[in-house]
C-alpha cells in the first residue's frame, strides 16, 4: 500500500491514520486473547491474521524471567 501525503486542516483527518493503526492493533490483541479470527486481505487473499501470528510465534523459545542460564 502506498501512502500519499495530504494536507488538511481538519483534526479528524489528521488523526485518522493513527486511530486506524490503534484500532487494528486492538483488534489483533482481542482476537488473540479470545480466539476470534481477524480477517484481512493480504496479496489479494483473505487470511486470518490471528492464525498467522500464532504460527509465526509458536516456535520461538520464550525467556523465563528470573531463570537465566549460567555458562
N, C-alpha and C. Protein backbone atom coordinates (compact mmCIF):
# COMPACT_ATOMS: atom_id res chain seq x y z
N UNK A 1 0.84 -1.17 0.00
CA UNK A 1 0.00 0.00 0.00
C UNK A 1 0.89 1.23 0.00
N UNK A 2 0.56 2.18 -0.83
CA UNK A 2 1.33 3.41 -0.88
C UNK A 2 0.64 4.47 -0.06
N UNK A 3 1.44 5.33 0.52
CA UNK A 3 0.90 6.41 1.33
C UNK A 3 1.14 7.72 0.61
N UNK A 4 0.09 8.50 0.45
CA UNK A 4 0.21 9.80 -0.17
C UNK A 4 0.07 10.86 0.91
N UNK A 5 0.88 11.87 0.81
CA UNK A 5 0.78 12.97 1.74
C UNK A 5 -0.37 13.86 1.34
N UNK A 6 -1.21 14.14 2.28
CA UNK A 6 -2.33 15.03 2.01
C UNK A 6 -2.32 16.11 3.07
N UNK A 7 -2.60 17.31 2.63
CA UNK A 7 -2.63 18.43 3.55
C UNK A 7 -4.07 18.72 3.90
N UNK A 8 -4.33 18.86 5.19
CA UNK A 8 -5.67 19.15 5.65
C UNK A 8 -5.57 19.92 6.96
N UNK A 9 -6.57 20.71 7.21
CA UNK A 9 -6.64 21.42 8.48
C UNK A 9 -7.61 20.75 9.44
N UNK A 10 -8.30 19.73 8.97
CA UNK A 10 -9.29 19.03 9.78
C UNK A 10 -8.57 18.08 10.74
N UNK A 11 -8.73 18.26 12.05
CA UNK A 11 -8.03 17.39 13.02
C UNK A 11 -8.49 15.93 12.93
N UNK A 12 -9.73 15.69 12.51
CA UNK A 12 -10.19 14.31 12.35
C UNK A 12 -9.44 13.61 11.22
N UNK A 13 -9.21 14.31 10.14
CA UNK A 13 -8.46 13.74 9.02
C UNK A 13 -7.01 13.50 9.43
N UNK A 14 -6.42 14.45 10.11
CA UNK A 14 -5.03 14.34 10.52
C UNK A 14 -4.81 13.17 11.48
N UNK A 15 -5.77 12.87 12.33
CA UNK A 15 -5.62 11.80 13.31
C UNK A 15 -6.15 10.45 12.87
N UNK A 16 -6.71 10.36 11.66
CA UNK A 16 -7.34 9.13 11.21
C UNK A 16 -6.35 7.97 11.08
N UNK A 17 -5.17 8.23 10.54
CA UNK A 17 -4.19 7.17 10.34
C UNK A 17 -3.78 6.55 11.68
N UNK A 18 -3.49 7.39 12.65
CA UNK A 18 -3.10 6.89 13.97
C UNK A 18 -4.25 6.13 14.62
N UNK A 19 -5.47 6.62 14.46
CA UNK A 19 -6.64 5.95 15.04
C UNK A 19 -6.86 4.58 14.41
N UNK A 20 -6.70 4.47 13.09
CA UNK A 20 -6.86 3.19 12.42
C UNK A 20 -5.78 2.20 12.83
N UNK A 21 -4.56 2.68 13.03
CA UNK A 21 -3.48 1.82 13.49
C UNK A 21 -3.77 1.29 14.89
N UNK A 22 -4.23 2.18 15.78
CA UNK A 22 -4.58 1.74 17.14
C UNK A 22 -5.72 0.72 17.11
N UNK A 23 -6.72 0.95 16.28
CA UNK A 23 -7.86 0.04 16.18
C UNK A 23 -7.43 -1.33 15.66
N UNK A 24 -6.53 -1.36 14.68
CA UNK A 24 -6.05 -2.63 14.14
C UNK A 24 -5.27 -3.41 15.18
N UNK A 25 -4.42 -2.73 15.93
CA UNK A 25 -3.65 -3.40 16.99
C UNK A 25 -4.57 -3.94 18.07
N UNK A 26 -5.58 -3.17 18.42
CA UNK A 26 -6.54 -3.61 19.44
C UNK A 26 -7.35 -4.80 18.93
N UNK A 27 -7.74 -4.79 17.67
CA UNK A 27 -8.48 -5.92 17.10
C UNK A 27 -7.64 -7.19 17.11
N UNK A 28 -6.36 -7.09 16.77
CA UNK A 28 -5.47 -8.24 16.80
C UNK A 28 -5.29 -8.74 18.22
N UNK A 29 -5.08 -7.83 19.16
CA UNK A 29 -4.91 -8.23 20.55
C UNK A 29 -6.15 -8.95 21.06
N UNK A 30 -7.32 -8.40 20.78
CA UNK A 30 -8.56 -9.01 21.23
C UNK A 30 -8.80 -10.36 20.55
N UNK A 31 -8.49 -10.45 19.27
CA UNK A 31 -8.63 -11.72 18.56
C UNK A 31 -7.73 -12.80 19.12
N UNK A 32 -6.49 -12.45 19.45
CA UNK A 32 -5.56 -13.41 20.03
C UNK A 32 -6.01 -13.83 21.43
N UNK A 33 -6.53 -12.87 22.19
CA UNK A 33 -6.95 -13.14 23.55
C UNK A 33 -8.19 -14.03 23.61
N UNK A 34 -9.12 -13.85 22.69
CA UNK A 34 -10.39 -14.57 22.73
C UNK A 34 -10.48 -15.72 21.74
N UNK A 35 -9.48 -15.86 20.87
CA UNK A 35 -9.53 -16.91 19.87
C UNK A 35 -10.44 -16.58 18.70
N UNK A 36 -10.77 -15.32 18.54
CA UNK A 36 -11.64 -14.87 17.46
C UNK A 36 -10.79 -14.53 16.24
N UNK A 37 -11.16 -15.02 15.05
CA UNK A 37 -10.37 -14.69 13.86
C UNK A 37 -10.47 -13.21 13.50
N UNK A 38 -9.38 -12.69 12.99
CA UNK A 38 -9.33 -11.32 12.48
C UNK A 38 -8.95 -11.44 11.01
N UNK A 39 -9.94 -11.22 10.15
CA UNK A 39 -9.75 -11.42 8.72
C UNK A 39 -9.24 -10.15 8.05
N UNK A 40 -8.19 -10.29 7.25
CA UNK A 40 -7.63 -9.18 6.47
C UNK A 40 -7.28 -9.69 5.08
N UNK A 41 -7.09 -8.77 4.15
CA UNK A 41 -6.68 -9.16 2.81
C UNK A 41 -5.20 -8.86 2.63
N UNK A 42 -4.44 -9.90 2.29
CA UNK A 42 -3.00 -9.77 2.06
C UNK A 42 -2.70 -10.38 0.70
N UNK A 43 -2.11 -9.59 -0.17
CA UNK A 43 -1.78 -10.04 -1.54
C UNK A 43 -2.98 -10.64 -2.25
N UNK A 44 -4.16 -10.04 -2.07
CA UNK A 44 -5.35 -10.49 -2.76
C UNK A 44 -6.03 -11.71 -2.16
N UNK A 45 -5.51 -12.20 -1.03
CA UNK A 45 -6.10 -13.37 -0.38
C UNK A 45 -6.61 -12.97 1.01
N UNK A 46 -7.74 -13.52 1.40
CA UNK A 46 -8.28 -13.25 2.73
C UNK A 46 -7.68 -14.26 3.69
N UNK A 47 -7.02 -13.76 4.73
CA UNK A 47 -6.35 -14.63 5.70
C UNK A 47 -6.75 -14.23 7.12
N UNK A 48 -6.66 -15.20 8.02
CA UNK A 48 -6.90 -14.96 9.44
C UNK A 48 -5.59 -14.48 10.05
N UNK A 49 -5.55 -13.25 10.43
CA UNK A 49 -4.33 -12.66 10.96
C UNK A 49 -3.94 -13.28 12.29
N UNK A 50 -4.90 -13.69 13.10
CA UNK A 50 -4.56 -14.31 14.40
C UNK A 50 -3.87 -15.64 14.18
N UNK A 51 -4.32 -16.43 13.22
CA UNK A 51 -3.68 -17.72 12.94
C UNK A 51 -2.27 -17.50 12.41
N UNK A 52 -2.13 -16.53 11.55
CA UNK A 52 -0.81 -16.22 11.00
C UNK A 52 0.16 -15.78 12.11
N UNK A 53 -0.33 -14.99 13.04
CA UNK A 53 0.50 -14.52 14.14
C UNK A 53 0.87 -15.68 15.06
N UNK A 54 -0.10 -16.56 15.36
CA UNK A 54 0.19 -17.71 16.23
C UNK A 54 1.22 -18.63 15.59
N UNK A 55 1.11 -18.87 14.28
CA UNK A 55 2.07 -19.73 13.59
C UNK A 55 3.46 -19.13 13.62
N UNK A 56 3.55 -17.83 13.50
CA UNK A 56 4.85 -17.16 13.48
C UNK A 56 5.52 -17.21 14.84
N UNK A 57 4.75 -17.10 15.92
CA UNK A 57 5.35 -17.03 17.25
C UNK A 57 5.38 -18.37 17.96
N UNK A 58 4.79 -19.41 17.36
CA UNK A 58 4.69 -20.70 18.03
C UNK A 58 6.05 -21.32 18.32
N UNK A 59 6.99 -21.18 17.42
CA UNK A 59 8.26 -21.88 17.54
C UNK A 59 9.36 -21.05 18.20
N UNK A 60 9.04 -19.86 18.64
CA UNK A 60 10.05 -19.04 19.29
C UNK A 60 10.17 -19.45 20.76
N UNK A 61 11.37 -19.72 21.23
CA UNK A 61 11.53 -20.03 22.65
C UNK A 61 11.32 -18.77 23.48
N UNK A 62 10.65 -18.95 24.59
CA UNK A 62 10.39 -17.80 25.46
C UNK A 62 11.41 -17.77 26.59
N UNK A 63 11.88 -16.59 26.89
CA UNK A 63 12.81 -16.42 28.00
C UNK A 63 12.01 -16.47 29.30
N UNK A 64 12.55 -17.16 30.28
CA UNK A 64 11.90 -17.25 31.56
C UNK A 64 12.48 -16.20 32.49
N UNK A 65 11.61 -15.42 33.06
CA UNK A 65 12.08 -14.35 33.95
C UNK A 65 12.67 -14.93 35.21
N UNK A 66 13.82 -14.44 35.60
CA UNK A 66 14.44 -14.84 36.85
C UNK A 66 15.20 -16.16 36.78
N UNK A 67 15.25 -16.79 35.61
CA UNK A 67 15.94 -18.06 35.49
C UNK A 67 16.96 -18.01 34.37
N UNK A 68 17.93 -17.18 34.50
CA UNK A 68 18.96 -17.05 33.48
C UNK A 68 19.92 -18.23 33.58
N UNK A 69 20.30 -18.79 32.43
CA UNK A 69 21.26 -19.90 32.43
C UNK A 69 22.66 -19.33 32.58
N UNK A 70 23.41 -19.98 33.44
CA UNK A 70 24.80 -19.58 33.63
C UNK A 70 25.68 -20.48 32.78
N UNK A 71 26.74 -19.92 32.22
CA UNK A 71 27.63 -20.73 31.36
C UNK A 71 28.39 -21.76 32.14
